[in-house]
Amino acid sequence: MRRYLLSLALPFLIAAAPEPQTVDESKTILAERDAVIQKIASGEDFERSVARFAELRKRFESLSVAQKLSSATNTDNQRLARERHYKYLRSLDFRVGEQCPMAVDPTNRPKGDSYHAFRGEHGKIVAKKTVKLPAKSGFDDEESVETFQVSAQSGLYSFGAKEMKTHDGKPFTGSIGDMVFFCYASASSHGSGSYLPPEFRDKVLGSGFVSRIKAPPRIVSKSKWNPVHLLGRGTLRMVAREGRWPMPENAIVLSHLLVEKDLGNGRFEIRLDEPHDVGRPATVSFLLDVPTGLRGRELVGPGEWLWVIMSRPVIDKQLRKLILTAEDIEPVYVEALDEAK
């Protein structure tokens, strides 16, 4: 009889404790289980001990099921977080942070704004024409191409949809009055051989991208700081590794940041590894102090991408860390009109 009862409970006899969520209760159950087994083996209060053993087994199995469900939920949450992260890497906001330096006034960029291959501005479409391109051969049809003029912060620009795509590589289309963000390397004048209408041939954009946006980039409202936009992680990574701040101490900088950890007391570790390495421990980072009461402080948390204006650089030799203080926090700076949610 004893062997029969114990054989039914064999999985419970060799079970390991569940994960930390239930570890305290499971330890208590397993400790009592061992004591009950001793009683059963010695015949002490046998029937009651067997009944208690069954109760303990039932409770332990319930904890195990709860732990499995919790693990499955955590796995789903991690998967959803990864999907959200990689979707964000294809967003206009992310691409601007990586490639397109913005300025409060693009015609008068702040001191310390170093050379970049591209520049970012916003404006409105003020003219649009559809051009018919001759067929390349007798086997082809003529091609229709939309051309545009944009009144931007630093002047009037033109482009054809044949060259300028959206930030995610889709064909650009728009209407007069649409607000756009454009990122470009250079603007040139076209001669008579251009397919663009004659009035569209000055300051023509030939590389980069154009996307329709819902509102002006948030940089236009940051004239109080007039920050230098640090693209990507390059500058901050160099400082984090070398411990030398390359700009004036009173420089105000803007950067698009990924929060790694909440270290408590308003201090956060900011990840400077490449975005596709998320999920692995950070190998290079800096510390961001977020003052109590700062607007947007509640947005700062692990896994969140944020735009942060920062000041007061400190090279802490004891911690071997760069420390910056947040002045302003925004979740988004440039929001695409056509971007899928």
C-alpha atoms as a PDB file:
ATOM      1  CA  MET A   1       0.000   0.000   0.000  1.00  0.00           C
ATOM      2  CA  ARG A   2       2.762   2.408   0.936  1.00  0.00           C
ATOM      3  CA  ARG A   3       4.736   1.629  -2.215  1.00  0.00           C
ATOM      4  CA  TYR A   4       1.625   2.078  -4.350  1.00  0.00           C
ATOM      5  CA  LEU A   5       0.830   5.500  -2.881  1.00  0.00           C
ATOM      6  CA  LEU A   6       4.391   6.718  -3.199  1.00  0.00           C
ATOM      7  CA  SER A   7       4.708   5.470  -6.796  1.00  0.00           C
ATOM      8  CA  LEU A   8       1.734   7.629  -7.765  1.00  0.00           C
ATOM      9  CA  ALA A   9       3.557  10.641  -6.379  1.00  0.00           C
ATOM     10  CA  LEU A  10       6.975   9.904  -7.906  1.00  0.00           C
ATOM     11  CA  PRO A  11       7.151  13.123 -10.010  1.00  0.00           C
ATOM     12  CA  PHE A  12       6.493  15.125  -6.859  1.00  0.00           C
ATOM     13  CA  LEU A  13       9.191  13.200  -4.999  1.00  0.00           C
ATOM     14  CA  ILE A  14      11.856  14.223  -7.498  1.00  0.00           C
ATOM     15  CA  ALA A  15      10.436  17.653  -8.388  1.00  0.00           C
ATOM     16  CA  ALA A  16      12.642  20.708  -8.313  1.00  0.00           C
ATOM     17  CA  ALA A  17      11.399  23.997  -6.930  1.00  0.00           C
ATOM     18  CA  PRO A  18       9.643  26.355  -9.377  1.00  0.00           C
ATOM     19  CA  GLU A  19      11.109  29.648 -10.490  1.00  0.00           C
ATOM     20  CA  PRO A  20      11.719  32.587  -8.094  1.00  0.00           C
ATOM     21  CA  GLN A  21       8.133  33.857  -8.290  1.00  0.00           C
ATOM     22  CA  THR A  22       6.998  30.915  -6.133  1.00  0.00           C
ATOM     23  CA  VAL A  23      10.292  29.806  -4.629  1.00  0.00           C
ATOM     24  CA  ASP A  24       9.482  30.628  -0.973  1.00  0.00           C
ATOM     25  CA  GLU A  25       6.234  28.659  -0.863  1.00  0.00           C
ATOM     26  CA  SER A  26       7.671  25.774  -2.860  1.00  0.00           C
ATOM     27  CA  LYS A  27      10.605  25.456  -0.445  1.00  0.00           C
ATOM     28  CA  THR A  28       8.175  25.260   2.456  1.00  0.00           C
ATOM     29  CA  ILE A  29       6.142  22.578   0.654  1.00  0.00           C
ATOM     30  CA  LEU A  30       9.214  20.499  -0.187  1.00  0.00           C
ATOM     31  CA  ALA A  31      10.523  20.738   3.359  1.00  0.00           C
ATOM     32  CA  GLU A  32       7.192  19.505   4.761  1.00  0.00           C
ATOM     33  CA  ARG A  33       7.057  16.819   2.073  1.00  0.00           C
ATOM     34  CA  ASP A  34      10.337  15.352   3.293  1.00  0.00           C
ATOM     35  CA  ALA A  35       9.060  15.296   6.870  1.00  0.00           C
ATOM     36  CA  VAL A  36       5.800  13.623   5.781  1.00  0.00           C
ATOM     37  CA  ILE A  37       7.705  10.994   3.793  1.00  0.00           C
ATOM     38  CA  GLN A  38       9.633  10.102   6.951  1.00  0.00           C
ATOM     39  CA  LYS A  39       6.360   9.650   8.836  1.00  0.00           C
ATOM     40  CA  ILE A  40       4.905   7.464   6.088  1.00  0.00           C
ATOM     41  CA  ALA A  41       8.043   5.346   5.921  1.00  0.00           C
ATOM     42  CA  SER A  42       7.998   4.783   9.702  1.00  0.00           C
ATOM     43  CA  GLY A  43       4.232   4.187   9.811  1.00  0.00           C
ATOM     44  CA  GLU A  44       3.650   7.192  12.054  1.00  0.00           C
ATOM     45  CA  ASP A  45       0.066   8.454  11.769  1.00  0.00           C
ATOM     46  CA  PHE A  46       0.039   6.758   8.377  1.00  0.00           C
ATOM     47  CA  GLU A  47      -3.427   7.669   6.985  1.00  0.00           C
ATOM     48  CA  ARG A  48      -3.196  11.319   7.986  1.00  0.00           C
ATOM     49  CA  SER A  49       0.371  11.558   6.646  1.00  0.00           C
ATOM     50  CA  VAL A  50      -0.705  10.089   3.292  1.00  0.00           C
ATOM     51  CA  ALA A  51      -3.582  12.574   3.092  1.00  0.00           C
ATOM     52  CA  ARG A  52      -1.257  15.455   3.892  1.00  0.00           C
ATOM     53  CA  PHE A  53       1.213  14.214   1.291  1.00  0.00           C
ATOM     54  CA  ALA A  54      -1.576  14.337  -1.330  1.00  0.00           C
ATOM     55  CA  GLU A  55      -2.479  17.901  -0.297  1.00  0.00           C
ATOM     56  CA  LEU A  56       1.128  19.020  -0.592  1.00  0.00           C
ATOM     57  CA  ARG A  57       1.442  17.370  -3.987  1.00  0.00           C
ATOM     58  CA  LYS A  58      -1.700  19.131  -5.267  1.00  0.00           C
ATOM     59  CA  ARG A  59      -0.488  22.533  -4.078  1.00  0.00           C
ATOM     60  CA  PHE A  60       2.960  22.007  -5.562  1.00  0.00           C
ATOM     61  CA  GLU A  61       1.481  21.066  -8.924  1.00  0.00           C
ATOM     62  CA  SER A  62      -0.664  24.216  -8.834  1.00  0.00           C
ATOM     63  CA  LEU A  63       2.446  26.301  -8.267  1.00  0.00           C
ATOM     64  CA  SER A  64       4.188  24.516 -11.136  1.00  0.00           C
ATOM     65  CA  VAL A  65       1.299  25.218 -13.509  1.00  0.00           C
ATOM     66  CA  ALA A  66       1.230  28.876 -12.434  1.00  0.00           C
ATOM     67  CA  GLN A  67       4.968  29.134 -13.013  1.00  0.00           C
ATOM     68  CA  LYS A  68       4.672  27.633 -16.508  1.00  0.00           C
ATOM     69  CA  LEU A  69       1.888  30.048 -17.387  1.00  0.00           C
ATOM     70  CA  SER A  70       3.995  32.918 -16.057  1.00  0.00           C
ATOM     71  CA  SER A  71       6.994  31.752 -18.077  1.00  0.00           C
ATOM     72  CA  ALA A  72       4.847  31.545 -21.213  1.00  0.00           C
ATOM     73  CA  THR A  73       3.531  35.057 -20.559  1.00  0.00           C
ATOM     74  CA  ASN A  74       7.076  36.368 -20.054  1.00  0.00           C
ATOM     75  CA  THR A  75       8.167  34.706 -23.291  1.00  0.00           C
ATOM     76  CA  ASP A  76       5.254  36.283 -25.162  1.00  0.00           C
ATOM     77  CA  ASN A  77       6.041  39.677 -23.635  1.00  0.00           C
ATOM     78  CA  GLN A  78       9.684  39.380 -24.667  1.00  0.00           C
ATOM     79  CA  ARG A  79       8.668  38.415 -28.197  1.00  0.00           C
ATOM     80  CA  LEU A  80       6.275  41.358 -28.436  1.00  0.00           C
ATOM     81  CA  ALA A  81       8.965  43.694 -27.076  1.00  0.00           C
ATOM     82  CA  ARG A  82      11.422  42.471 -29.713  1.00  0.00           C
ATOM     83  CA  GLU A  83       8.832  42.904 -32.473  1.00  0.00           C
ATOM     84  CA  ARG A  84       8.060  46.417 -31.241  1.00  0.00           C
ATOM     85  CA  HIS A  85      11.779  47.246 -31.122  1.00  0.00           C
ATOM     86  CA  TYR A  86      12.536  46.028 -34.661  1.00  0.00           C
ATOM     87  CA  LYS A  87       9.440  47.760 -36.017  1.00  0.00           C
ATOM     88  CA  TYR A  88      10.650  50.981 -34.430  1.00  0.00           C
ATOM     89  CA  LEU A  89      14.027  50.577 -36.158  1.00  0.00           C
ATOM     90  CA  ARG A  90      12.143  51.047 -39.456  1.00  0.00           C
ATOM     91  CA  SER A  91      10.364  54.210 -38.336  1.00  0.00           C
ATOM     92  CA  LEU A  92      11.001  57.742 -39.584  1.00  0.00           C
ATOM     93  CA  ASP A  93      11.800  58.889 -36.051  1.00  0.00           C
ATOM     94  CA  PHE A  94      14.578  56.310 -35.710  1.00  0.00           C
ATOM     95  CA  ARG A  95      16.053  57.022 -39.139  1.00  0.00           C
ATOM     96  CA  VAL A  96      16.159  60.751 -38.470  1.00  0.00           C
ATOM     97  CA  GLY A  97      18.001  60.079 -35.221  1.00  0.00           C
ATOM     98  CA  GLU A  98      20.573  57.994 -37.075  1.00  0.00           C
ATOM     99  CA  GLN A  99      21.103  59.920 -40.296  1.00  0.00           C
ATOM    100  CA  CYS A 100      19.582  63.387 -40.434  1.00  0.00           C
ATOM    101  CA  PRO A 101      20.960  66.126 -38.171  1.00  0.00           C
ATOM    102  CA  MET A 102      18.258  68.640 -37.285  1.00  0.00           C
ATOM    103  CA  ALA A 103      18.638  72.186 -36.040  1.00  0.00           C
ATOM    104  CA  VAL A 104      16.304  74.823 -34.638  1.00  0.00           C
ATOM    105  CA  ASP A 105      17.496  77.058 -37.488  1.00  0.00           C
ATOM    106  CA  PRO A 106      19.100  75.059 -40.338  1.00  0.00           C
ATOM    107  CA  THR A 107      20.550  78.257 -41.812  1.00  0.00           C
ATOM    108  CA  ASN A 108      22.460  78.981 -38.599  1.00  0.00           C
ATOM    109  CA  ARG A 109      23.414  75.747 -36.928  1.00  0.00           C
ATOM    110  CA  PRO A 110      24.801  75.887 -33.360  1.00  0.00           C
ATOM    111  CA  LYS A 111      28.538  75.837 -32.706  1.00  0.00           C
ATOM    112  CA  GLY A 112      29.864  72.325 -32.337  1.00  0.00           C
ATOM    113  CA  ASP A 113      27.591  70.930 -35.034  1.00  0.00           C
ATOM    114  CA  SER A 114      30.209  69.008 -36.995  1.00  0.00           C
ATOM    115  CA  TYR A 115      30.065  68.038 -40.661  1.00  0.00           C
ATOM    116  CA  HIS A 116      27.516  65.401 -41.609  1.00  0.00           C
ATOM    117  CA  ALA A 117      26.872  63.739 -44.950  1.00  0.00           C
ATOM    118  CA  PHE A 118      23.161  64.503 -44.697  1.00  0.00           C
ATOM    119  CA  ARG A 119      20.996  67.306 -43.382  1.00  0.00           C
ATOM    120  CA  GLY A 120      17.394  67.243 -42.265  1.00  0.00           C
ATOM    121  CA  GLU A 121      14.712  69.920 -42.715  1.00  0.00           C
ATOM    122  CA  HIS A 122      10.965  70.189 -42.956  1.00  0.00           C
ATOM    123  CA  GLY A 123       8.674  72.229 -45.200  1.00  0.00           C
ATOM    124  CA  LYS A 124       5.468  72.198 -47.221  1.00  0.00           C
ATOM    125  CA  ILE A 125       4.776  71.121 -50.767  1.00  0.00           C
ATOM    126  CA  VAL A 126       3.927  74.307 -52.684  1.00  0.00           C
ATOM    127  CA  ALA A 127       3.883  73.010 -56.240  1.00  0.00           C
ATOM    128  CA  LYS A 128       3.377  69.683 -57.981  1.00  0.00           C
ATOM    129  CA  LYS A 129       3.513  68.593 -61.616  1.00  0.00           C
ATOM    130  CA  THR A 130       3.260  65.232 -63.327  1.00  0.00           C
ATOM    131  CA  VAL A 131       5.817  64.721 -66.087  1.00  0.00           C
ATOM    132  CA  LYS A 132       5.563  62.195 -68.912  1.00  0.00           C
ATOM    133  CA  LEU A 133       8.848  60.473 -69.758  1.00  0.00           C
ATOM    134  CA  PRO A 134       9.207  59.000 -73.244  1.00  0.00           C
ATOM    135  CA  ALA A 135       9.167  55.234 -73.597  1.00  0.00           C
ATOM    136  CA  LYS A 136      12.650  53.712 -73.477  1.00  0.00           C
ATOM    137  CA  SER A 137      11.866  51.425 -76.408  1.00  0.00           C
ATOM    138  CA  GLY A 138       9.032  50.295 -78.588  1.00  0.00           C
ATOM    139  CA  PHE A 139       8.306  47.611 -76.043  1.00  0.00           C
ATOM    140  CA  ASP A 140       7.713  50.098 -73.221  1.00  0.00           C
ATOM    141  CA  ASP A 141       5.034  52.630 -72.336  1.00  0.00           C
ATOM    142  CA  GLU A 142       5.754  56.216 -71.439  1.00  0.00           C
ATOM    143  CA  GLU A 143       6.333  56.794 -67.738  1.00  0.00           C
ATOM    144  CA  SER A 144       4.517  59.271 -65.483  1.00  0.00           C
ATOM    145  CA  VAL A 145       6.622  60.852 -62.729  1.00  0.00           C
ATOM    146  CA  GLU A 146       5.425  63.259 -60.068  1.00  0.00           C
ATOM    147  CA  THR A 147       7.670  66.253 -59.366  1.00  0.00           C
ATOM    148  CA  PHE A 148       7.452  68.591 -56.399  1.00  0.00           C
ATOM    149  CA  GLN A 149       8.615  71.893 -54.962  1.00  0.00           C
ATOM    150  CA  VAL A 150       8.957  72.274 -51.211  1.00  0.00           C
ATOM    151  CA  SER A 151       9.183  75.554 -49.322  1.00  0.00           C
ATOM    152  CA  ALA A 152      11.530  74.699 -46.455  1.00  0.00           C
ATOM    153  CA  GLN A 153      13.287  76.514 -43.642  1.00  0.00           C
ATOM    154  CA  SER A 154      16.316  77.320 -45.772  1.00  0.00           C
ATOM    155  CA  GLY A 155      14.648  77.940 -49.120  1.00  0.00           C
ATOM    156  CA  LEU A 156      12.801  76.365 -52.016  1.00  0.00           C
ATOM    157  CA  TYR A 157      13.772  72.817 -53.048  1.00  0.00           C
ATOM    158  CA  SER A 158      12.639  70.540 -55.861  1.00  0.00           C
ATOM    159  CA  PHE A 159      12.707  66.804 -56.420  1.00  0.00           C
ATOM    160  CA  GLY A 160      11.261  64.066 -58.543  1.00  0.00           C
ATOM    161  CA  ALA A 161       9.615  60.977 -57.101  1.00  0.00           C
ATOM    162  CA  LYS A 162      11.858  58.953 -59.421  1.00  0.00           C
ATOM    163  CA  GLU A 163      14.884  59.696 -57.217  1.00  0.00           C
ATOM    164  CA  MET A 164      13.499  60.547 -53.778  1.00  0.00           C
ATOM    165  CA  LYS A 165      11.722  57.725 -51.939  1.00  0.00           C
ATOM    166  CA  THR A 166      10.229  57.692 -48.466  1.00  0.00           C
ATOM    167  CA  HIS A 167      12.258  56.805 -45.361  1.00  0.00           C
ATOM    168  CA  ASP A 168      11.182  53.171 -45.711  1.00  0.00           C
ATOM    169  CA  GLY A 169      11.899  52.946 -49.435  1.00  0.00           C
ATOM    170  CA  LYS A 170       8.366  53.386 -50.759  1.00  0.00           C
ATOM    171  CA  PRO A 171       7.511  55.615 -53.740  1.00  0.00           C
ATOM    172  CA  PHE A 172       6.817  59.146 -52.548  1.00  0.00           C
ATOM    173  CA  THR A 173       3.528  60.804 -53.342  1.00  0.00           C
ATOM    174  CA  GLY A 174       1.975  63.903 -51.877  1.00  0.00           C
ATOM    175  CA  SER A 175      -0.285  66.887 -52.472  1.00  0.00           C
ATOM    176  CA  ILE A 176       0.139  70.644 -52.347  1.00  0.00           C
ATOM    177  CA  GLY A 177      -0.052  71.725 -48.714  1.00  0.00           C
ATOM    178  CA  ASP A 178       1.376  68.474 -47.312  1.00  0.00           C
ATOM    179  CA  MET A 179       4.071  68.901 -44.686  1.00  0.00           C
ATOM    180  CA  VAL A 180       7.189  66.848 -45.327  1.00  0.00           C
ATOM    181  CA  PHE A 181      10.513  66.017 -43.710  1.00  0.00           C
ATOM    182  CA  PHE A 182      13.383  65.636 -46.136  1.00  0.00           C
ATOM    183  CA  CYS A 183      16.892  64.369 -45.552  1.00  0.00           C
ATOM    184  CA  TYR A 184      19.418  65.175 -48.262  1.00  0.00           C
ATOM    185  CA  ALA A 185      23.130  65.147 -48.972  1.00  0.00           C
ATOM    186  CA  SER A 186      23.193  67.985 -51.487  1.00  0.00           C
ATOM    187  CA  ALA A 187      21.040  70.106 -53.780  1.00  0.00           C
ATOM    188  CA  SER A 188      22.136  70.944 -57.326  1.00  0.00           C
ATOM    189  CA  SER A 189      20.913  72.829 -60.388  1.00  0.00           C
ATOM    190  CA  HIS A 190      19.757  70.843 -63.419  1.00  0.00           C
ATOM    191  CA  GLY A 191      20.229  71.781 -67.026  1.00  0.00           C
ATOM    192  CA  SER A 192      18.001  71.473 -70.071  1.00  0.00           C
ATOM    193  CA  GLY A 193      18.452  67.710 -70.136  1.00  0.00           C
ATOM    194  CA  SER A 194      16.551  67.270 -66.894  1.00  0.00           C
ATOM    195  CA  TYR A 195      13.101  65.719 -66.976  1.00  0.00           C
ATOM    196  CA  LEU A 196      11.996  68.187 -64.277  1.00  0.00           C
ATOM    197  CA  PRO A 197       9.893  71.194 -65.362  1.00  0.00           C
ATOM    198  CA  PRO A 198      12.119  74.249 -66.013  1.00  0.00           C
ATOM    199  CA  GLU A 199      10.860  76.056 -62.888  1.00  0.00           C
ATOM    200  CA  PHE A 200      11.754  72.973 -60.784  1.00  0.00           C
ATOM    201  CA  ARG A 201      15.433  72.765 -61.793  1.00  0.00           C
ATOM    202  CA  ASP A 202      17.070  74.840 -59.063  1.00  0.00           C
ATOM    203  CA  LYS A 203      18.172  73.291 -55.737  1.00  0.00           C
ATOM    204  CA  VAL A 204      17.160  69.792 -56.799  1.00  0.00           C
ATOM    205  CA  LEU A 205      17.404  66.993 -54.254  1.00  0.00           C
ATOM    206  CA  GLY A 206      18.957  63.876 -55.734  1.00  0.00           C
ATOM    207  CA  SER A 207      19.728  61.628 -52.757  1.00  0.00           C
ATOM    208  CA  GLY A 208      18.179  60.942 -49.388  1.00  0.00           C
ATOM    209  CA  PHE A 209      14.472  60.610 -48.684  1.00  0.00           C
ATOM    210  CA  VAL A 210      11.240  62.579 -48.269  1.00  0.00           C
ATOM    211  CA  SER A 211       8.330  61.582 -46.003  1.00  0.00           C
ATOM    212  CA  ARG A 212       5.034  63.246 -45.184  1.00  0.00           C
ATOM    213  CA  ILE A 213       4.759  64.202 -41.523  1.00  0.00           C
ATOM    214  CA  LYS A 214       1.941  64.995 -39.127  1.00  0.00           C
ATOM    215  CA  ALA A 215       3.509  68.110 -37.612  1.00  0.00           C
ATOM    216  CA  PRO A 216       6.789  70.048 -37.595  1.00  0.00           C
ATOM    217  CA  PRO A 217       9.665  68.190 -35.910  1.00  0.00           C
ATOM    218  CA  ARG A 218       9.873  68.905 -32.199  1.00  0.00           C
ATOM    219  CA  ILE A 219      13.295  70.508 -32.692  1.00  0.00           C
ATOM    220  CA  VAL A 220      11.564  73.737 -33.810  1.00  0.00           C
ATOM    221  CA  SER A 221      10.188  74.246 -30.292  1.00  0.00           C
ATOM    222  CA  LYS A 222      13.593  73.805 -28.613  1.00  0.00           C
ATOM    223  CA  SER A 223      15.053  77.263 -29.285  1.00  0.00           C
ATOM    224  CA  LYS A 224      15.522  77.706 -25.530  1.00  0.00           C
ATOM    225  CA  TRP A 225      18.378  75.204 -25.749  1.00  0.00           C
ATOM    226  CA  ASN A 226      19.290  75.325 -29.483  1.00  0.00           C
ATOM    227  CA  PRO A 227      20.918  71.894 -29.046  1.00  0.00           C
ATOM    228  CA  VAL A 228      23.550  70.238 -31.198  1.00  0.00           C
ATOM    229  CA  HIS A 229      21.986  67.082 -32.643  1.00  0.00           C
ATOM    230  CA  LEU A 230      24.364  64.148 -32.110  1.00  0.00           C
ATOM    231  CA  LEU A 231      23.582  61.489 -34.695  1.00  0.00           C
ATOM    232  CA  GLY A 232      23.428  57.851 -33.642  1.00  0.00           C
ATOM    233  CA  ARG A 233      25.787  56.764 -30.888  1.00  0.00           C
ATOM    234  CA  GLY A 234      29.184  57.598 -32.391  1.00  0.00           C
ATOM    235  CA  THR A 235      30.129  60.709 -30.387  1.00  0.00           C
ATOM    236  CA  LEU A 236      28.758  59.491 -27.055  1.00  0.00           C
ATOM    237  CA  ARG A 237      30.325  56.061 -27.558  1.00  0.00           C
ATOM    238  CA  MET A 238      33.720  57.666 -28.166  1.00  0.00           C
ATOM    239  CA  VAL A 239      33.397  59.696 -24.958  1.00  0.00           C
ATOM    240  CA  ALA A 240      32.190  56.668 -22.997  1.00  0.00           C
ATOM    241  CA  ARG A 241      35.271  54.738 -24.103  1.00  0.00           C
ATOM    242  CA  GLU A 242      37.928  57.452 -23.981  1.00  0.00           C
ATOM    243  CA  GLY A 243      36.669  59.677 -21.168  1.00  0.00           C
ATOM    244  CA  ARG A 244      37.189  62.916 -23.115  1.00  0.00           C
ATOM    245  CA  TRP A 245      34.372  65.359 -23.879  1.00  0.00           C
ATOM    246  CA  PRO A 246      35.039  66.842 -27.366  1.00  0.00           C
ATOM    247  CA  MET A 247      32.695  69.834 -27.086  1.00  0.00           C
ATOM    248  CA  PRO A 248      32.597  72.923 -24.857  1.00  0.00           C
ATOM    249  CA  GLU A 249      31.470  72.106 -21.316  1.00  0.00           C
ATOM    250  CA  ASN A 250      28.461  74.385 -21.684  1.00  0.00           C
ATOM    251  CA  ALA A 251      27.329  72.689 -24.916  1.00  0.00           C
ATOM    252  CA  ILE A 252      23.721  71.516 -25.021  1.00  0.00           C
ATOM    253  CA  VAL A 253      23.243  68.311 -27.004  1.00  0.00           C
ATOM    254  CA  LEU A 254      20.295  66.365 -28.354  1.00  0.00           C
ATOM    255  CA  SER A 255      20.404  62.621 -28.874  1.00  0.00           C
ATOM    256  CA  HIS A 256      18.071  59.739 -29.576  1.00  0.00           C
ATOM    257  CA  LEU A 257      18.669  57.272 -26.741  1.00  0.00           C
ATOM    258  CA  LEU A 258      17.802  53.714 -25.738  1.00  0.00           C
ATOM    259  CA  VAL A 259      17.401  53.209 -21.979  1.00  0.00           C
ATOM    260  CA  GLU A 260      19.161  50.085 -20.672  1.00  0.00           C
ATOM    261  CA  LYS A 261      18.546  50.115 -16.899  1.00  0.00           C
ATOM    262  CA  ASP A 262      16.913  52.082 -14.124  1.00  0.00           C
ATOM    263  CA  LEU A 263      19.681  52.458 -11.527  1.00  0.00           C
ATOM    264  CA  GLY A 264      17.444  54.230  -9.018  1.00  0.00           C
ATOM    265  CA  ASN A 265      17.373  57.765  -7.622  1.00  0.00           C
ATOM    266  CA  GLY A 266      16.758  59.267 -11.045  1.00  0.00           C
ATOM    267  CA  ARG A 267      19.831  57.742 -12.686  1.00  0.00           C
ATOM    268  CA  PHE A 268      19.602  55.568 -15.796  1.00  0.00           C
ATOM    269  CA  GLU A 269      22.092  53.585 -17.823  1.00  0.00           C
ATOM    270  CA  ILE A 270      21.897  54.460 -21.526  1.00  0.00           C
ATOM    271  CA  ARG A 271      22.865  51.797 -24.032  1.00  0.00           C
ATOM    272  CA  LEU A 272      25.385  52.763 -26.728  1.00  0.00           C
ATOM    273  CA  ASP A 273      25.697  49.386 -28.462  1.00  0.00           C
ATOM    274  CA  GLU A 274      24.205  49.035 -31.940  1.00  0.00           C
ATOM    275  CA  PRO A 275      20.396  48.644 -31.921  1.00  0.00           C
ATOM    276  CA  HIS A 276      20.422  45.129 -33.412  1.00  0.00           C
ATOM    277  CA  ASP A 277      22.387  43.931 -30.348  1.00  0.00           C
ATOM    278  CA  VAL A 278      19.417  44.482 -28.020  1.00  0.00           C
ATOM    279  CA  GLY A 279      18.944  41.422 -25.819  1.00  0.00           C
ATOM    280  CA  ARG A 280      22.656  41.120 -25.084  1.00  0.00           C
ATOM    281  CA  PRO A 281      24.314  42.849 -22.138  1.00  0.00           C
ATOM    282  CA  ALA A 282      25.476  46.381 -22.977  1.00  0.00           C
ATOM    283  CA  THR A 283      29.215  46.661 -23.592  1.00  0.00           C
ATOM    284  CA  VAL A 284      29.365  50.464 -23.676  1.00  0.00           C
ATOM    285  CA  SER A 285      27.044  52.951 -22.001  1.00  0.00           C
ATOM    286  CA  PHE A 286      26.799  56.257 -20.178  1.00  0.00           C
ATOM    287  CA  LEU A 287      24.737  57.487 -17.237  1.00  0.00           C
ATOM    288  CA  LEU A 288      21.829  59.904 -17.513  1.00  0.00           C
ATOM    289  CA  ASP A 289      20.580  61.832 -14.486  1.00  0.00           C
ATOM    290  CA  VAL A 290      16.917  62.797 -14.768  1.00  0.00           C
ATOM    291  CA  PRO A 291      15.919  65.481 -12.243  1.00  0.00           C
ATOM    292  CA  THR A 292      12.801  64.980 -10.147  1.00  0.00           C
ATOM    293  CA  GLY A 293       9.874  66.874 -11.597  1.00  0.00           C
ATOM    294  CA  LEU A 294      11.280  67.076 -15.140  1.00  0.00           C
ATOM    295  CA  ARG A 295       8.460  66.801 -17.672  1.00  0.00           C
ATOM    296  CA  GLY A 296       8.598  63.407 -19.361  1.00  0.00           C
ATOM    297  CA  ARG A 297      10.498  61.748 -16.509  1.00  0.00           C
ATOM    298  CA  GLU A 298       7.771  59.081 -16.276  1.00  0.00           C
ATOM    299  CA  LEU A 299       8.612  57.981 -19.839  1.00  0.00           C
ATOM    300  CA  VAL A 300      12.153  56.943 -18.947  1.00  0.00           C
ATOM    301  CA  GLY A 301      12.379  53.189 -18.480  1.00  0.00           C
ATOM    302  CA  PRO A 302      14.298  50.131 -19.730  1.00  0.00           C
ATOM    303  CA  GLY A 303      13.741  49.398 -23.411  1.00  0.00           C
ATOM    304  CA  GLU A 304      12.369  52.853 -24.240  1.00  0.00           C
ATOM    305  CA  TRP A 305      13.655  55.014 -27.087  1.00  0.00           C
ATOM    306  CA  LEU A 306      13.592  58.705 -26.167  1.00  0.00           C
ATOM    307  CA  TRP A 307      14.835  62.026 -27.473  1.00  0.00           C
ATOM    308  CA  VAL A 308      16.759  63.780 -24.723  1.00  0.00           C
ATOM    309  CA  ILE A 309      18.341  67.225 -24.575  1.00  0.00           C
ATOM    310  CA  MET A 310      21.322  66.984 -22.210  1.00  0.00           C
ATOM    311  CA  SER A 311      23.889  69.213 -20.517  1.00  0.00           C
ATOM    312  CA  ARG A 312      26.552  69.302 -17.795  1.00  0.00           C
ATOM    313  CA  PRO A 313      28.901  66.507 -18.962  1.00  0.00           C
ATOM    314  CA  VAL A 314      30.905  64.884 -16.173  1.00  0.00           C
ATOM    315  CA  ILE A 315      33.687  62.348 -16.633  1.00  0.00           C
ATOM    316  CA  ASP A 316      33.522  60.296 -13.438  1.00  0.00           C
ATOM    317  CA  LYS A 317      36.946  58.673 -13.029  1.00  0.00           C
ATOM    318  CA  GLN A 318      35.842  56.479 -10.132  1.00  0.00           C
ATOM    319  CA  LEU A 319      32.881  55.018 -12.013  1.00  0.00           C
ATOM    320  CA  ARG A 320      34.724  55.354 -15.329  1.00  0.00           C
ATOM    321  CA  LYS A 321      31.548  56.717 -16.816  1.00  0.00           C
ATOM    322  CA  LEU A 322      30.304  59.740 -18.729  1.00  0.00           C
ATOM    323  CA  ILE A 323      27.396  61.349 -16.868  1.00  0.00           C
ATOM    324  CA  LEU A 324      24.947  63.784 -18.487  1.00  0.00           C
ATOM    325  CA  THR A 325      21.901  65.556 -17.060  1.00  0.00           C
ATOM    326  CA  ALA A 326      18.568  65.581 -18.878  1.00  0.00           C
ATOM    327  CA  GLU A 327      17.080  68.990 -19.690  1.00  0.00           C
ATOM    328  CA  ASP A 328      14.156  67.918 -21.879  1.00  0.00           C
ATOM    329  CA  ILE A 329      12.543  64.591 -22.824  1.00  0.00           C
ATOM    330  CA  GLU A 330      10.279  63.708 -25.742  1.00  0.00           C
ATOM    331  CA  PRO A 331       9.089  60.284 -26.938  1.00  0.00           C
ATOM    332  CA  VAL A 332       8.941  61.324 -30.624  1.00  0.00           C
ATOM    333  CA  TYR A 333      10.510  64.119 -32.682  1.00  0.00           C
ATOM    334  CA  VAL A 334       9.348  63.325 -36.224  1.00  0.00           C
ATOM    335  CA  GLU A 335       6.172  61.328 -36.868  1.00  0.00           C
ATOM    336  CA  ALA A 336       5.425  60.032 -40.354  1.00  0.00           C
ATOM    337  CA  LEU A 337       1.897  60.558 -41.673  1.00  0.00           C
ATOM    338  CA  ASP A 338       1.813  57.330 -43.669  1.00  0.00           C
ATOM    339  CA  GLU A 339       3.571  55.085 -41.158  1.00  0.00           C
ATOM    340  CA  ALA A 340       1.698  51.938 -40.066  1.00  0.00           C
ATOM    341  CA  LYS A 341       1.047  51.622 -36.345  1.00  0.00           C
END
